[in-house]
Amino acid sequence: MSVDVAGPETSTTHRRMPPEWAPHARTWMAWPTPNATFGPEGGERLARAREAWAAVACTVAHHEPVTILTAPGDRAGAEAAVRCRADVVEVALDDAWLRDSGPSFVVEADGSLGAVAWTFNGWGQQGWASWEHDRRVGRRVAELAGAPVTGSDLVLEGGGVHVDGQGTALVTETVLLDPQRNPGASRADVEAELRRTLGVERTVWLPRGLSADYGEFGTRGHVDLVASFARPGLVLAHVQPDPAHPDHEVCAENLRVLRAAEDARGRALEVVEVPAPQVAEVDGELVDYSYINHYLVNGAVVLCGFDDPRDAEAVALFRRVFPERAVDQVDARDVFAFGGGIHCITQQQPAV
């Protein structure tokens, strides 16, 4: 089955999604709500999540404006918990992974701001997920930003695609070709829709994501845990040095694909290996801790920290890759505990 696209709102010839390192007007986030992953209101898990989200929000707010969406009734609590300057807006929510439920902002052919609202179905109709409200969040954020919306029937979350701003995208097969997301869709169908919506001319298909991302609360392989562009032609890639770890061969295969790939301008990709944290399990469960799940803000990198022996090594590596940016490391363990990382809870709005 091909992905259906239609309607006058979707016509474009030169729309493009800017890379994450382009200047931002602001960052959008969502406040954790009581649900299957965070637990009930008043519970310890929800309190931990909110504290972790607040720490990320305030780190970002040092560098650019932040807007936080809260479910109705949660605004006062969020304003008290986020002890820095941030705008708080009440919007009906199911969850707090705004990278995934929110829109992908684009720049239209005339230089104005636009937004792509993907179809959201709870990460492939996961049994624990609710998306009655979150399936509308992309359009609501676009409305708040004053961005005309391009709709898409493609089921995709923001964590499932990474772009270089020059026509190249990184994706994984297990997300874009997931039968619970896009049943019957082919690579050609997906590539055509990424071209129409984001201006992507070449899509680099990685086979899959990290092993733990296929667990109960995983995304089935989001690319923002395994590979990201740092600048045109340069990709940061998660590697697992331990040959006994199930991700060792997963990462090796991703490296083979990346090193054989060319971008939209015909350049062979340069790949910088980013070693995984040494911690592989928490409470006997495999974790998908990854420094790739960082977030670029104006003048800085917001980098995941894990109280891990490799944290300092990661900071040094990111300072080499981004010499013009500060590197702010934030403890991300309580974000990952709920199924994602810093990149997963943030969404950039480009400056136009």
C-alpha atoms as a PDB file:
ATOM      1  CA  MET A   1       0.000   0.000   0.000  1.00  0.00           C
ATOM      2  CA  SER A   2       1.324   3.407  -0.876  1.00  0.00           C
ATOM      3  CA  VAL A   3       1.131   6.425   1.405  1.00  0.00           C
ATOM      4  CA  ASP A   4      -1.766   8.647   0.351  1.00  0.00           C
ATOM      5  CA  VAL A   5      -1.238  12.395   0.152  1.00  0.00           C
ATOM      6  CA  ALA A   6      -3.772  14.914  -1.010  1.00  0.00           C
ATOM      7  CA  GLY A   7      -5.177  18.396  -0.651  1.00  0.00           C
ATOM      8  CA  PRO A   8      -4.211  21.966  -1.530  1.00  0.00           C
ATOM      9  CA  GLU A   9      -2.464  22.424   1.826  1.00  0.00           C
ATOM     10  CA  THR A  10       0.221  19.973   0.730  1.00  0.00           C
ATOM     11  CA  SER A  11       1.467  21.488  -2.533  1.00  0.00           C
ATOM     12  CA  THR A  12       5.125  22.526  -2.557  1.00  0.00           C
ATOM     13  CA  THR A  13       8.201  22.381  -4.748  1.00  0.00           C
ATOM     14  CA  HIS A  14      11.047  23.742  -2.629  1.00  0.00           C
ATOM     15  CA  ARG A  15      10.100  23.170   0.998  1.00  0.00           C
ATOM     16  CA  ARG A  16      12.980  21.958   3.168  1.00  0.00           C
ATOM     17  CA  MET A  17      13.565  20.962   6.761  1.00  0.00           C
ATOM     18  CA  PRO A  18      16.523  22.878   8.215  1.00  0.00           C
ATOM     19  CA  PRO A  19      19.149  20.881  10.102  1.00  0.00           C
ATOM     20  CA  GLU A  20      19.069  20.933  13.874  1.00  0.00           C
ATOM     21  CA  TRP A  21      22.207  23.103  14.015  1.00  0.00           C
ATOM     22  CA  ALA A  22      20.502  25.950  12.127  1.00  0.00           C
ATOM     23  CA  PRO A  23      19.392  28.867  14.362  1.00  0.00           C
ATOM     24  CA  HIS A  24      16.272  28.219  16.435  1.00  0.00           C
ATOM     25  CA  ALA A  25      13.442  30.560  17.299  1.00  0.00           C
ATOM     26  CA  ARG A  26      12.505  28.327  20.241  1.00  0.00           C
ATOM     27  CA  THR A  27      12.261  24.800  21.605  1.00  0.00           C
ATOM     28  CA  TRP A  28       8.947  23.052  22.255  1.00  0.00           C
ATOM     29  CA  MET A  29       8.453  20.454  24.990  1.00  0.00           C
ATOM     30  CA  ALA A  30       5.537  18.703  26.722  1.00  0.00           C
ATOM     31  CA  TRP A  31       5.020  18.129  30.438  1.00  0.00           C
ATOM     32  CA  PRO A  32       4.710  14.518  31.658  1.00  0.00           C
ATOM     33  CA  THR A  33       1.136  13.419  32.234  1.00  0.00           C
ATOM     34  CA  PRO A  34      -0.246  10.581  34.363  1.00  0.00           C
ATOM     35  CA  ASN A  35      -0.254   7.543  32.061  1.00  0.00           C
ATOM     36  CA  ALA A  36       0.996   3.979  31.634  1.00  0.00           C
ATOM     37  CA  THR A  37       4.675   4.975  31.504  1.00  0.00           C
ATOM     38  CA  PHE A  38       4.806   7.742  34.103  1.00  0.00           C
ATOM     39  CA  GLY A  39       2.306   6.321  36.567  1.00  0.00           C
ATOM     40  CA  PRO A  40      -0.498   8.064  38.463  1.00  0.00           C
ATOM     41  CA  GLU A  41      -0.740  11.648  39.654  1.00  0.00           C
ATOM     42  CA  GLY A  42       1.102  11.992  42.965  1.00  0.00           C
ATOM     43  CA  GLY A  43       3.291   8.967  42.289  1.00  0.00           C
ATOM     44  CA  GLU A  44       7.057   8.766  42.614  1.00  0.00           C
ATOM     45  CA  ARG A  45       7.590   7.877  38.947  1.00  0.00           C
ATOM     46  CA  LEU A  46       5.697  10.889  37.655  1.00  0.00           C
ATOM     47  CA  ALA A  47       7.559  13.179  40.064  1.00  0.00           C
ATOM     48  CA  ARG A  48      10.906  11.808  38.817  1.00  0.00           C
ATOM     49  CA  ALA A  49       9.890  12.322  35.217  1.00  0.00           C
ATOM     50  CA  ARG A  50       8.799  15.897  35.814  1.00  0.00           C
ATOM     51  CA  GLU A  51      12.033  16.705  37.615  1.00  0.00           C
ATOM     52  CA  ALA A  52      14.045  15.272  34.712  1.00  0.00           C
ATOM     53  CA  TRP A  53      12.013  17.157  32.086  1.00  0.00           C
ATOM     54  CA  ALA A  54      12.412  20.382  34.082  1.00  0.00           C
ATOM     55  CA  ALA A  55      16.202  19.963  34.182  1.00  0.00           C
ATOM     56  CA  VAL A  56      16.327  19.623  30.399  1.00  0.00           C
ATOM     57  CA  ALA A  57      13.971  22.579  29.902  1.00  0.00           C
ATOM     58  CA  CYS A  58      16.109  24.858  32.059  1.00  0.00           C
ATOM     59  CA  THR A  59      19.327  23.776  30.348  1.00  0.00           C
ATOM     60  CA  VAL A  60      17.785  24.620  26.976  1.00  0.00           C
ATOM     61  CA  ALA A  61      16.368  27.886  28.332  1.00  0.00           C
ATOM     62  CA  HIS A  62      19.902  29.145  28.977  1.00  0.00           C
ATOM     63  CA  HIS A  63      20.300  29.289  25.203  1.00  0.00           C
ATOM     64  CA  GLU A  64      16.900  29.927  23.603  1.00  0.00           C
ATOM     65  CA  PRO A  65      13.197  30.397  24.418  1.00  0.00           C
ATOM     66  CA  VAL A  66      11.264  27.347  25.592  1.00  0.00           C
ATOM     67  CA  THR A  67       7.547  26.646  25.387  1.00  0.00           C
ATOM     68  CA  ILE A  68       6.154  23.773  27.462  1.00  0.00           C
ATOM     69  CA  LEU A  69       2.772  22.232  26.736  1.00  0.00           C
ATOM     70  CA  THR A  70       0.854  20.947  29.746  1.00  0.00           C
ATOM     71  CA  ALA A  71      -2.377  19.048  30.021  1.00  0.00           C
ATOM     72  CA  PRO A  72      -5.312  21.143  31.268  1.00  0.00           C
ATOM     73  CA  GLY A  73      -4.929  21.689  35.003  1.00  0.00           C
ATOM     74  CA  ASP A  74      -1.171  21.049  35.053  1.00  0.00           C
ATOM     75  CA  ARG A  75      -0.007  24.545  34.184  1.00  0.00           C
ATOM     76  CA  ALA A  76       0.499  25.876  37.723  1.00  0.00           C
ATOM     77  CA  GLY A  77       2.411  22.777  38.785  1.00  0.00           C
ATOM     78  CA  ALA A  78       4.675  22.981  35.749  1.00  0.00           C
ATOM     79  CA  GLU A  79       5.362  26.661  36.283  1.00  0.00           C
ATOM     80  CA  ALA A  80       6.363  25.929  39.881  1.00  0.00           C
ATOM     81  CA  ALA A  81       8.562  22.976  38.954  1.00  0.00           C
ATOM     82  CA  VAL A  82      10.368  24.609  36.019  1.00  0.00           C
ATOM     83  CA  ARG A  83      12.526  27.087  37.880  1.00  0.00           C
ATOM     84  CA  CYS A  84      13.625  29.103  34.869  1.00  0.00           C
ATOM     85  CA  ARG A  85      12.058  31.255  32.198  1.00  0.00           C
ATOM     86  CA  ALA A  86       9.684  29.220  30.022  1.00  0.00           C
ATOM     87  CA  ASP A  87       6.307  29.807  28.451  1.00  0.00           C
ATOM     88  CA  VAL A  88       3.662  27.308  29.540  1.00  0.00           C
ATOM     89  CA  VAL A  89       0.558  26.608  27.443  1.00  0.00           C
ATOM     90  CA  GLU A  90      -2.287  24.210  28.231  1.00  0.00           C
ATOM     91  CA  VAL A  91      -3.006  21.695  25.460  1.00  0.00           C
ATOM     92  CA  ALA A  92      -4.747  18.315  25.674  1.00  0.00           C
ATOM     93  CA  LEU A  93      -1.982  15.663  25.916  1.00  0.00           C
ATOM     94  CA  ASP A  94      -1.567  11.910  26.287  1.00  0.00           C
ATOM     95  CA  ASP A  95       2.225  11.775  26.686  1.00  0.00           C
ATOM     96  CA  ALA A  96       5.356  13.935  26.825  1.00  0.00           C
ATOM     97  CA  TRP A  97       7.536  12.896  23.860  1.00  0.00           C
ATOM     98  CA  LEU A  98       7.037  16.014  21.768  1.00  0.00           C
ATOM     99  CA  ARG A  99       9.782  15.103  19.286  1.00  0.00           C
ATOM    100  CA  ASP A 100       7.426  12.334  18.211  1.00  0.00           C
ATOM    101  CA  SER A 101       3.908  13.735  18.535  1.00  0.00           C
ATOM    102  CA  GLY A 102       4.812  17.283  17.547  1.00  0.00           C
ATOM    103  CA  PRO A 103       5.321  18.664  14.030  1.00  0.00           C
ATOM    104  CA  SER A 104       8.508  18.784  11.998  1.00  0.00           C
ATOM    105  CA  PHE A 105       9.085  22.454  11.239  1.00  0.00           C
ATOM    106  CA  VAL A 106      10.152  23.393   7.720  1.00  0.00           C
ATOM    107  CA  VAL A 107      11.034  26.482   5.699  1.00  0.00           C
ATOM    108  CA  GLU A 108       8.755  27.033   2.720  1.00  0.00           C
ATOM    109  CA  ALA A 109       9.889  28.068  -0.743  1.00  0.00           C
ATOM    110  CA  ASP A 110       9.244  31.748   0.085  1.00  0.00           C
ATOM    111  CA  GLY A 111      11.339  31.584   3.261  1.00  0.00           C
ATOM    112  CA  SER A 112       8.383  31.458   5.646  1.00  0.00           C
ATOM    113  CA  LEU A 113       7.862  28.991   8.480  1.00  0.00           C
ATOM    114  CA  GLY A 114       5.834  25.866   7.821  1.00  0.00           C
ATOM    115  CA  ALA A 115       5.154  22.626   9.658  1.00  0.00           C
ATOM    116  CA  VAL A 116       4.551  19.007   8.711  1.00  0.00           C
ATOM    117  CA  ALA A 117       1.985  17.178  10.823  1.00  0.00           C
ATOM    118  CA  TRP A 118       2.686  13.452  10.517  1.00  0.00           C
ATOM    119  CA  THR A 119       0.126  10.814  11.332  1.00  0.00           C
ATOM    120  CA  PHE A 120       0.785   9.681  14.908  1.00  0.00           C
ATOM    121  CA  ASN A 121      -0.509   6.302  16.140  1.00  0.00           C
ATOM    122  CA  GLY A 122       1.308   5.658  19.403  1.00  0.00           C
ATOM    123  CA  TRP A 123       4.615   4.361  17.989  1.00  0.00           C
ATOM    124  CA  GLY A 124       2.953   1.722  15.861  1.00  0.00           C
ATOM    125  CA  GLN A 125      -0.186   1.177  17.931  1.00  0.00           C
ATOM    126  CA  GLN A 126       1.643   0.061  21.065  1.00  0.00           C
ATOM    127  CA  GLY A 127      -0.700  -1.647  23.494  1.00  0.00           C
ATOM    128  CA  TRP A 128       0.120   0.712  26.366  1.00  0.00           C
ATOM    129  CA  ALA A 129      -0.027   3.935  24.332  1.00  0.00           C
ATOM    130  CA  SER A 130      -2.856   6.452  24.075  1.00  0.00           C
ATOM    131  CA  TRP A 131      -2.978   8.959  21.246  1.00  0.00           C
ATOM    132  CA  GLU A 132      -6.469  10.435  21.211  1.00  0.00           C
ATOM    133  CA  HIS A 133      -4.975  13.852  22.001  1.00  0.00           C
ATOM    134  CA  ASP A 134      -1.403  13.410  20.803  1.00  0.00           C
ATOM    135  CA  ARG A 135      -2.520  12.716  17.230  1.00  0.00           C
ATOM    136  CA  ARG A 136      -3.691  16.338  17.153  1.00  0.00           C
ATOM    137  CA  VAL A 137      -0.670  17.871  18.887  1.00  0.00           C
ATOM    138  CA  GLY A 138       1.324  18.411  15.678  1.00  0.00           C
ATOM    139  CA  ARG A 139      -1.315  20.704  14.253  1.00  0.00           C
ATOM    140  CA  ARG A 140      -1.862  22.438  17.595  1.00  0.00           C
ATOM    141  CA  VAL A 141       1.846  23.270  17.991  1.00  0.00           C
ATOM    142  CA  ALA A 142       1.963  24.521  14.410  1.00  0.00           C
ATOM    143  CA  GLU A 143      -1.021  26.748  15.139  1.00  0.00           C
ATOM    144  CA  LEU A 144       0.636  28.157  18.256  1.00  0.00           C
ATOM    145  CA  ALA A 145       3.811  28.840  16.224  1.00  0.00           C
ATOM    146  CA  GLY A 146       1.847  30.516  13.429  1.00  0.00           C
ATOM    147  CA  ALA A 147       3.028  27.941  10.887  1.00  0.00           C
ATOM    148  CA  PRO A 148       0.774  26.745   8.037  1.00  0.00           C
ATOM    149  CA  VAL A 149       0.436  22.968   8.138  1.00  0.00           C
ATOM    150  CA  THR A 150       1.283  20.346   5.551  1.00  0.00           C
ATOM    151  CA  GLY A 151      -0.547  17.154   6.438  1.00  0.00           C
ATOM    152  CA  SER A 152       0.774  13.667   5.772  1.00  0.00           C
ATOM    153  CA  ASP A 153      -0.687  10.177   5.906  1.00  0.00           C
ATOM    154  CA  LEU A 154       2.789   8.809   6.623  1.00  0.00           C
ATOM    155  CA  VAL A 155       2.998   7.450  10.164  1.00  0.00           C
ATOM    156  CA  LEU A 156       6.267   8.879  11.424  1.00  0.00           C
ATOM    157  CA  GLU A 157       7.633  10.350  14.640  1.00  0.00           C
ATOM    158  CA  GLY A 158      10.283  13.079  14.732  1.00  0.00           C
ATOM    159  CA  GLY A 159      12.739  10.665  16.338  1.00  0.00           C
ATOM    160  CA  GLY A 160      12.454   8.468  13.271  1.00  0.00           C
ATOM    161  CA  VAL A 161      14.161  10.850  10.827  1.00  0.00           C
ATOM    162  CA  HIS A 162      17.289  13.022  10.899  1.00  0.00           C
ATOM    163  CA  VAL A 163      18.214  15.486   8.138  1.00  0.00           C
ATOM    164  CA  ASP A 164      21.294  17.404   7.022  1.00  0.00           C
ATOM    165  CA  GLY A 165      19.385  20.392   5.601  1.00  0.00           C
ATOM    166  CA  GLN A 166      20.836  19.723   2.162  1.00  0.00           C
ATOM    167  CA  GLY A 167      18.486  17.002   1.001  1.00  0.00           C
ATOM    168  CA  THR A 168      19.686  13.922   2.908  1.00  0.00           C
ATOM    169  CA  ALA A 169      17.794  11.969   5.582  1.00  0.00           C
ATOM    170  CA  LEU A 170      18.683   9.093   7.895  1.00  0.00           C
ATOM    171  CA  VAL A 171      15.901   6.611   8.757  1.00  0.00           C
ATOM    172  CA  THR A 172      15.517   3.003   9.892  1.00  0.00           C
ATOM    173  CA  GLU A 173      13.612   0.284   8.081  1.00  0.00           C
ATOM    174  CA  THR A 174      11.930  -1.013  11.237  1.00  0.00           C
ATOM    175  CA  VAL A 175      10.224   2.335  11.859  1.00  0.00           C
ATOM    176  CA  LEU A 176       9.264   3.603   8.409  1.00  0.00           C
ATOM    177  CA  LEU A 177       8.349   0.165   7.035  1.00  0.00           C
ATOM    178  CA  ASP A 178       6.717  -1.044  10.264  1.00  0.00           C
ATOM    179  CA  PRO A 179       3.471  -2.863   9.352  1.00  0.00           C
ATOM    180  CA  GLN A 180       1.866  -1.318  12.445  1.00  0.00           C
ATOM    181  CA  ARG A 181       2.756   2.136  11.140  1.00  0.00           C
ATOM    182  CA  ASN A 182       2.728   2.031   7.350  1.00  0.00           C
ATOM    183  CA  PRO A 183       1.372  -1.372   6.251  1.00  0.00           C
ATOM    184  CA  GLY A 184       2.395  -2.266   2.736  1.00  0.00           C
ATOM    185  CA  ALA A 185       4.470   0.882   2.193  1.00  0.00           C
ATOM    186  CA  SER A 186       7.642   0.526   0.124  1.00  0.00           C
ATOM    187  CA  ARG A 187      10.917   2.400   0.336  1.00  0.00           C
ATOM    188  CA  ALA A 188       9.867   4.304  -2.776  1.00  0.00           C
ATOM    189  CA  ASP A 189       6.580   5.353  -1.136  1.00  0.00           C
ATOM    190  CA  VAL A 190       8.377   6.647   1.935  1.00  0.00           C
ATOM    191  CA  GLU A 191      11.085   8.415  -0.051  1.00  0.00           C
ATOM    192  CA  ALA A 192       8.495  10.173  -2.204  1.00  0.00           C
ATOM    193  CA  GLU A 193       6.678  11.445   0.890  1.00  0.00           C
ATOM    194  CA  LEU A 194       9.896  12.635   2.568  1.00  0.00           C
ATOM    195  CA  ARG A 195      10.736  14.453  -0.668  1.00  0.00           C
ATOM    196  CA  ARG A 196       7.323  16.134  -0.764  1.00  0.00           C
ATOM    197  CA  THR A 197       7.194  17.107   2.896  1.00  0.00           C
ATOM    198  CA  LEU A 198      10.818  17.755   3.916  1.00  0.00           C
ATOM    199  CA  GLY A 199      12.651  18.307   0.631  1.00  0.00           C
ATOM    200  CA  VAL A 200      14.647  15.073   1.042  1.00  0.00           C
ATOM    201  CA  GLU A 201      16.401  13.943  -2.145  1.00  0.00           C
ATOM    202  CA  ARG A 202      18.341  10.994  -0.747  1.00  0.00           C
ATOM    203  CA  THR A 203      17.292   8.697   2.077  1.00  0.00           C
ATOM    204  CA  VAL A 204      19.882   6.539   3.835  1.00  0.00           C
ATOM    205  CA  TRP A 205      18.165   3.421   5.199  1.00  0.00           C
ATOM    206  CA  LEU A 206      19.675   1.841   8.295  1.00  0.00           C
ATOM    207  CA  PRO A 207      18.435  -1.676   9.044  1.00  0.00           C
ATOM    208  CA  ARG A 208      17.317  -1.175  12.650  1.00  0.00           C
ATOM    209  CA  GLY A 209      17.842   0.559  15.955  1.00  0.00           C
ATOM    210  CA  LEU A 210      19.208  -0.484  19.345  1.00  0.00           C
ATOM    211  CA  SER A 211      18.059  -3.759  20.889  1.00  0.00           C
ATOM    212  CA  ALA A 212      16.467  -2.261  23.999  1.00  0.00           C
ATOM    213  CA  ASP A 213      14.369   0.018  21.778  1.00  0.00           C
ATOM    214  CA  TYR A 214      12.337  -3.059  20.821  1.00  0.00           C
ATOM    215  CA  GLY A 215      11.218  -3.638  24.412  1.00  0.00           C
ATOM    216  CA  GLU A 216       7.804  -2.911  25.899  1.00  0.00           C
ATOM    217  CA  PHE A 217       8.138   0.872  25.894  1.00  0.00           C
ATOM    218  CA  GLY A 218      10.443   1.151  22.876  1.00  0.00           C
ATOM    219  CA  THR A 219       9.881   2.801  19.509  1.00  0.00           C
ATOM    220  CA  ARG A 220      11.028  -0.179  17.390  1.00  0.00           C
ATOM    221  CA  GLY A 221      14.158   1.523  16.172  1.00  0.00           C
ATOM    222  CA  HIS A 222      14.231   5.322  16.195  1.00  0.00           C
ATOM    223  CA  VAL A 223      17.238   6.623  14.305  1.00  0.00           C
ATOM    224  CA  ASP A 224      17.981   9.346  16.877  1.00  0.00           C
ATOM    225  CA  LEU A 225      19.535   6.696  19.141  1.00  0.00           C
ATOM    226  CA  VAL A 226      21.923   5.345  16.521  1.00  0.00           C
ATOM    227  CA  ALA A 227      22.943   8.059  14.036  1.00  0.00           C
ATOM    228  CA  SER A 228      22.694  11.812  13.520  1.00  0.00           C
ATOM    229  CA  PHE A 229      24.166  14.440  11.256  1.00  0.00           C
ATOM    230  CA  ALA A 230      26.604  16.842  12.907  1.00  0.00           C
ATOM    231  CA  ARG A 231      27.028  18.859   9.697  1.00  0.00           C
ATOM    232  CA  PRO A 232      26.575  18.115   6.002  1.00  0.00           C
ATOM    233  CA  GLY A 233      28.610  15.045   5.114  1.00  0.00           C
ATOM    234  CA  LEU A 234      29.422  14.118   8.735  1.00  0.00           C
ATOM    235  CA  VAL A 235      27.460  11.549  10.729  1.00  0.00           C
ATOM    236  CA  LEU A 236      27.808  10.627  14.396  1.00  0.00           C
ATOM    237  CA  ALA A 237      27.193   6.898  14.861  1.00  0.00           C
ATOM    238  CA  HIS A 238      26.560   4.923  18.040  1.00  0.00           C
ATOM    239  CA  VAL A 239      28.945   1.997  18.434  1.00  0.00           C
ATOM    240  CA  GLN A 240      28.953  -0.770  21.029  1.00  0.00           C
ATOM    241  CA  PRO A 241      32.556  -1.830  21.773  1.00  0.00           C
ATOM    242  CA  ASP A 242      31.570  -4.923  23.770  1.00  0.00           C
ATOM    243  CA  PRO A 243      31.395  -7.904  21.365  1.00  0.00           C
ATOM    244  CA  ALA A 244      29.150  -9.761  23.825  1.00  0.00           C
ATOM    245  CA  HIS A 245      26.503  -7.018  23.711  1.00  0.00           C
ATOM    246  CA  PRO A 246      23.578  -7.603  21.301  1.00  0.00           C
ATOM    247  CA  ASP A 247      24.103  -4.126  19.828  1.00  0.00           C
ATOM    248  CA  HIS A 248      27.690  -4.849  18.810  1.00  0.00           C
ATOM    249  CA  GLU A 249      26.674  -6.332  15.450  1.00  0.00           C
ATOM    250  CA  VAL A 250      23.684  -3.989  15.092  1.00  0.00           C
ATOM    251  CA  CYS A 251      26.053  -1.016  15.213  1.00  0.00           C
ATOM    252  CA  ALA A 252      28.611  -2.703  12.964  1.00  0.00           C
ATOM    253  CA  GLU A 253      25.949  -3.190  10.288  1.00  0.00           C
ATOM    254  CA  ASN A 254      24.827   0.440  10.601  1.00  0.00           C
ATOM    255  CA  LEU A 255      28.452   1.536  10.172  1.00  0.00           C
ATOM    256  CA  ARG A 256      28.759  -0.544   7.017  1.00  0.00           C
ATOM    257  CA  VAL A 257      25.670   1.096   5.546  1.00  0.00           C
ATOM    258  CA  LEU A 258      26.753   4.622   6.493  1.00  0.00           C
ATOM    259  CA  ARG A 259      30.270   4.213   5.131  1.00  0.00           C
ATOM    260  CA  ALA A 260      28.925   2.931   1.836  1.00  0.00           C
ATOM    261  CA  ALA A 261      26.407   5.780   1.507  1.00  0.00           C
ATOM    262  CA  GLU A 262      26.503   9.096  -0.303  1.00  0.00           C
ATOM    263  CA  ASP A 263      24.481  12.163   0.582  1.00  0.00           C
ATOM    264  CA  ALA A 264      22.185  14.108  -1.744  1.00  0.00           C
ATOM    265  CA  ARG A 265      25.159  16.038  -3.138  1.00  0.00           C
ATOM    266  CA  GLY A 266      27.128  12.903  -3.949  1.00  0.00           C
ATOM    267  CA  ARG A 267      29.571  13.105  -1.035  1.00  0.00           C
ATOM    268  CA  ALA A 268      30.660   9.953   0.740  1.00  0.00           C
ATOM    269  CA  LEU A 269      29.606  10.224   4.358  1.00  0.00           C
ATOM    270  CA  GLU A 270      32.314  10.740   6.964  1.00  0.00           C
ATOM    271  CA  VAL A 271      31.431   8.756  10.081  1.00  0.00           C
ATOM    272  CA  VAL A 272      32.534   9.580  13.641  1.00  0.00           C
ATOM    273  CA  GLU A 273      32.082   6.670  16.022  1.00  0.00           C
ATOM    274  CA  VAL A 274      30.545   7.518  19.401  1.00  0.00           C
ATOM    275  CA  PRO A 275      31.093   4.687  21.930  1.00  0.00           C
ATOM    276  CA  ALA A 276      28.100   3.603  23.970  1.00  0.00           C
ATOM    277  CA  PRO A 277      28.108   4.200  27.728  1.00  0.00           C
ATOM    278  CA  GLN A 278      29.571   1.279  29.674  1.00  0.00           C
ATOM    279  CA  VAL A 279      26.344   0.729  31.607  1.00  0.00           C
ATOM    280  CA  ALA A 280      24.353  -1.809  29.596  1.00  0.00           C
ATOM    281  CA  GLU A 281      21.719  -2.909  32.110  1.00  0.00           C
ATOM    282  CA  VAL A 282      19.688  -1.324  34.904  1.00  0.00           C
ATOM    283  CA  ASP A 283      17.886  -3.583  37.379  1.00  0.00           C
ATOM    284  CA  GLY A 284      18.611  -6.519  35.098  1.00  0.00           C
ATOM    285  CA  GLU A 285      17.008  -4.882  32.051  1.00  0.00           C
ATOM    286  CA  LEU A 286      18.903  -3.955  28.890  1.00  0.00           C
ATOM    287  CA  VAL A 287      19.041  -0.180  28.350  1.00  0.00           C
ATOM    288  CA  ASP A 288      19.570   1.861  25.204  1.00  0.00           C
ATOM    289  CA  TYR A 289      21.685   4.643  26.704  1.00  0.00           C
ATOM    290  CA  SER A 290      23.137   6.659  23.833  1.00  0.00           C
ATOM    291  CA  TYR A 291      25.019   9.933  23.459  1.00  0.00           C
ATOM    292  CA  ILE A 292      23.585  10.225  19.939  1.00  0.00           C
ATOM    293  CA  ASN A 293      20.327  11.306  21.556  1.00  0.00           C
ATOM    294  CA  HIS A 294      21.672  14.803  22.175  1.00  0.00           C
ATOM    295  CA  TYR A 295      19.960  18.073  21.210  1.00  0.00           C
ATOM    296  CA  LEU A 296      21.546  21.034  19.445  1.00  0.00           C
ATOM    297  CA  VAL A 297      20.407  24.458  20.660  1.00  0.00           C
ATOM    298  CA  ASN A 298      21.623  27.941  19.834  1.00  0.00           C
ATOM    299  CA  GLY A 299      25.314  27.944  20.741  1.00  0.00           C
ATOM    300  CA  ALA A 300      25.367  24.638  22.602  1.00  0.00           C
ATOM    301  CA  VAL A 301      24.949  20.870  22.641  1.00  0.00           C
ATOM    302  CA  VAL A 302      22.643  19.473  25.330  1.00  0.00           C
ATOM    303  CA  LEU A 303      24.286  16.088  25.851  1.00  0.00           C
ATOM    304  CA  CYS A 304      22.952  13.083  27.739  1.00  0.00           C
ATOM    305  CA  GLY A 305      24.880  12.038  30.824  1.00  0.00           C
ATOM    306  CA  PHE A 306      24.535   8.698  32.612  1.00  0.00           C
ATOM    307  CA  ASP A 307      26.950   8.913  35.586  1.00  0.00           C
ATOM    308  CA  ASP A 308      29.041   6.641  33.407  1.00  0.00           C
ATOM    309  CA  PRO A 309      32.815   6.276  32.950  1.00  0.00           C
ATOM    310  CA  ARG A 310      32.386   7.305  29.294  1.00  0.00           C
ATOM    311  CA  ASP A 311      30.521  10.555  30.040  1.00  0.00           C
ATOM    312  CA  ALA A 312      33.720  12.630  30.072  1.00  0.00           C
ATOM    313  CA  GLU A 313      34.930  10.936  26.889  1.00  0.00           C
ATOM    314  CA  ALA A 314      31.649  11.852  25.202  1.00  0.00           C
ATOM    315  CA  VAL A 315      31.924  15.490  26.295  1.00  0.00           C
ATOM    316  CA  ALA A 316      35.446  15.689  24.851  1.00  0.00           C
ATOM    317  CA  LEU A 317      34.312  14.096  21.582  1.00  0.00           C
ATOM    318  CA  PHE A 318      31.374  16.486  21.181  1.00  0.00           C
ATOM    319  CA  ARG A 319      33.616  19.471  21.909  1.00  0.00           C
ATOM    320  CA  ARG A 320      35.879  18.336  19.066  1.00  0.00           C
ATOM    321  CA  VAL A 321      32.955  17.869  16.681  1.00  0.00           C
ATOM    322  CA  PHE A 322      31.253  21.122  17.703  1.00  0.00           C
ATOM    323  CA  PRO A 323      34.147  23.445  18.629  1.00  0.00           C
ATOM    324  CA  GLU A 324      31.956  26.543  18.294  1.00  0.00           C
ATOM    325  CA  ARG A 325      29.392  25.274  20.833  1.00  0.00           C
ATOM    326  CA  ALA A 326      29.305  24.805  24.578  1.00  0.00           C
ATOM    327  CA  VAL A 327      28.586  21.235  25.701  1.00  0.00           C
ATOM    328  CA  ASP A 328      26.062  21.080  28.544  1.00  0.00           C
ATOM    329  CA  GLN A 329      25.709  17.557  29.913  1.00  0.00           C
ATOM    330  CA  VAL A 330      22.461  16.705  31.709  1.00  0.00           C
ATOM    331  CA  ASP A 331      21.750  13.507  33.654  1.00  0.00           C
ATOM    332  CA  ALA A 332      19.374  11.697  31.307  1.00  0.00           C
ATOM    333  CA  ARG A 333      18.894   8.441  33.231  1.00  0.00           C
ATOM    334  CA  ASP A 334      15.427   9.376  34.440  1.00  0.00           C
ATOM    335  CA  VAL A 335      14.423  10.329  30.894  1.00  0.00           C
ATOM    336  CA  PHE A 336      15.671   7.032  29.466  1.00  0.00           C
ATOM    337  CA  ALA A 337      13.946   5.163  32.289  1.00  0.00           C
ATOM    338  CA  PHE A 338      10.643   6.122  30.690  1.00  0.00           C
ATOM    339  CA  GLY A 339      11.564   5.200  27.127  1.00  0.00           C
ATOM    340  CA  GLY A 340      13.542   7.990  25.476  1.00  0.00           C
ATOM    341  CA  GLY A 341      16.205  10.651  25.814  1.00  0.00           C
ATOM    342  CA  ILE A 342      16.840  14.376  25.611  1.00  0.00           C
ATOM    343  CA  HIS A 343      16.312  14.536  21.852  1.00  0.00           C
ATOM    344  CA  CYS A 344      13.015  12.691  22.258  1.00  0.00           C
ATOM    345  CA  ILE A 345      11.472  15.334  24.532  1.00  0.00           C
ATOM    346  CA  THR A 346      12.522  18.434  22.567  1.00  0.00           C
ATOM    347  CA  GLN A 347      11.482  19.839  19.192  1.00  0.00           C
ATOM    348  CA  GLN A 348      13.154  22.771  17.490  1.00  0.00           C
ATOM    349  CA  GLN A 349      11.392  25.610  15.707  1.00  0.00           C
ATOM    350  CA  PRO A 350      13.822  27.134  13.200  1.00  0.00           C
ATOM    351  CA  ALA A 351      14.363  30.860  13.000  1.00  0.00           C
ATOM    352  CA  VAL A 352      13.157  32.258   9.666  1.00  0.00           C
END
